Amino acid sequence: MRLIARHAIAAAAAASALAIAATPAMAATGQLTLRGWGESLTVLNPKAGCIKTAFAMSQVANNTNVAVTVHTDPGCAGWGLVVAPGDTALVGASHSVRVPS
């Protein structure tokens, strides 16, 4: 009987771990608007990772529930400026934004 109980507990633990691992990571809820000179990109509920733009951003409006980091270089490299939830920041000529996981 104990052996069956151990197997049942192990199976339940494995199923829980699998369910957690299979859950998609949605890093932010809300809207992130990236503006450049004459161009803009709005991302709804941005996923965790690096958002690269084809244009240089001059302003970031972070209307999500997490802080994001705006980077000067593509691929979320270079110096970073943190933009808090609900804030809008002038960011010079930046090329990527990191959304945390």
Protein backbone atom coordinates (compact mmCIF):
# COMPACT_ATOMS: atom_id res chain seq x y z
CA MET A 1 0.00 0.00 0.00
CA ARG A 2 2.83 2.38 0.85
CA LEU A 3 4.46 1.69 -2.50
CA ILE A 4 1.26 2.67 -4.33
CA ALA A 5 0.98 5.85 -2.25
CA ARG A 6 4.59 6.80 -3.06
CA HIS A 7 3.99 6.27 -6.77
CA ALA A 8 0.80 8.34 -6.63
CA ILE A 9 2.62 11.20 -4.86
CA ALA A 10 5.53 11.02 -7.31
CA ALA A 11 3.14 11.06 -10.29
CA ALA A 12 1.24 14.03 -8.88
CA ALA A 13 4.51 15.94 -8.29
CA ALA A 14 5.70 15.20 -11.83
CA ALA A 15 2.37 16.33 -13.30
CA SER A 16 2.54 19.57 -11.29
CA ALA A 17 6.09 20.27 -12.46
CA LEU A 18 5.09 19.62 -16.06
CA ALA A 19 2.10 21.94 -15.78
CA ILE A 20 4.27 24.72 -14.36
CA ALA A 21 6.93 24.25 -17.06
CA ALA A 22 4.30 24.24 -19.81
CA THR A 23 2.72 27.50 -18.65
CA PRO A 24 3.71 30.26 -21.06
CA ALA A 25 5.64 33.15 -19.52
CA MET A 26 3.66 36.34 -19.89
CA ALA A 27 5.97 38.89 -18.39
CA ALA A 28 3.80 41.98 -18.56
CA THR A 29 0.18 42.96 -18.70
CA GLY A 30 -0.69 46.18 -20.44
CA GLN A 31 0.64 48.25 -23.29
CA LEU A 32 4.21 49.27 -24.16
CA THR A 33 4.52 52.05 -26.73
CA LEU A 34 7.88 52.75 -28.37
CA ARG A 35 8.06 56.02 -30.34
CA GLY A 36 10.72 57.26 -32.73
CA TRP A 37 10.95 60.15 -35.12
CA GLY A 38 7.89 59.54 -37.32
CA GLU A 39 7.52 55.87 -36.30
CA SER A 40 5.99 53.97 -33.41
CA LEU A 41 5.38 50.43 -32.21
CA THR A 42 2.77 49.41 -29.63
CA VAL A 43 3.08 45.99 -27.99
CA LEU A 44 0.10 44.65 -26.04
CA ASN A 45 0.97 42.32 -23.13
CA PRO A 46 4.68 42.07 -24.05
CA LYS A 47 6.33 38.71 -23.44
CA ALA A 48 9.59 38.31 -21.53
CA GLY A 49 12.71 38.97 -23.56
CA CYS A 50 14.23 41.57 -25.82
CA ILE A 51 12.13 43.72 -28.14
CA LYS A 52 14.19 45.10 -31.03
CA THR A 53 13.01 47.96 -33.21
CA ALA A 54 13.96 48.82 -36.78
CA PHE A 55 14.01 52.49 -35.79
CA ALA A 56 15.68 54.55 -33.09
CA MET A 57 13.30 55.15 -30.19
CA SER A 58 13.11 58.58 -28.63
CA GLN A 59 10.31 57.88 -26.13
CA VAL A 60 8.96 54.86 -24.26
CA ALA A 61 5.53 54.84 -22.62
CA ASN A 62 5.33 51.91 -20.20
CA ASN A 63 1.69 51.26 -19.40
CA THR A 64 2.37 47.71 -18.17
CA ASN A 65 2.61 46.25 -14.69
CA VAL A 66 6.42 45.72 -14.77
CA ALA A 67 9.49 47.92 -15.12
CA VAL A 68 11.26 47.59 -18.48
CA THR A 69 14.85 48.46 -19.40
CA VAL A 70 15.52 50.46 -22.56
CA HIS A 71 18.92 49.81 -24.18
CA THR A 72 20.96 51.97 -26.53
CA ASP A 73 22.03 49.08 -28.75
CA PRO A 74 20.13 46.32 -30.58
CA GLY A 75 19.86 42.98 -28.76
CA CYS A 76 19.38 44.66 -25.37
CA ALA A 77 23.05 45.64 -25.20
CA GLY A 78 24.64 48.93 -24.23
CA TRP A 79 23.58 51.15 -21.35
CA GLY A 80 20.12 50.68 -19.93
CA LEU A 81 17.48 53.01 -18.55
CA VAL A 82 14.72 51.56 -16.37
CA VAL A 83 11.20 52.82 -17.11
CA ALA A 84 8.81 52.10 -14.24
CA PRO A 85 5.21 50.94 -14.75
CA GLY A 86 2.99 53.90 -15.64
CA ASP A 87 5.94 56.12 -16.62
CA THR A 88 6.96 57.68 -19.93
CA ALA A 89 10.62 58.43 -20.56
CA LEU A 90 12.65 60.24 -23.18
CA VAL A 91 15.34 57.73 -24.16
CA GLY A 92 17.53 59.42 -26.78
CA ALA A 93 18.24 57.12 -29.70
CA SER A 94 17.67 53.65 -28.22
CA HIS A 95 17.18 50.41 -30.16
CA SER A 96 15.82 47.70 -27.83
CA VAL A 97 13.76 47.06 -24.69
CA ARG A 98 14.15 44.24 -22.16
CA VAL A 99 10.96 42.91 -20.56
CA PRO A 100 11.76 40.85 -17.45
CA SER A 101 10.52 37.33 -16.89
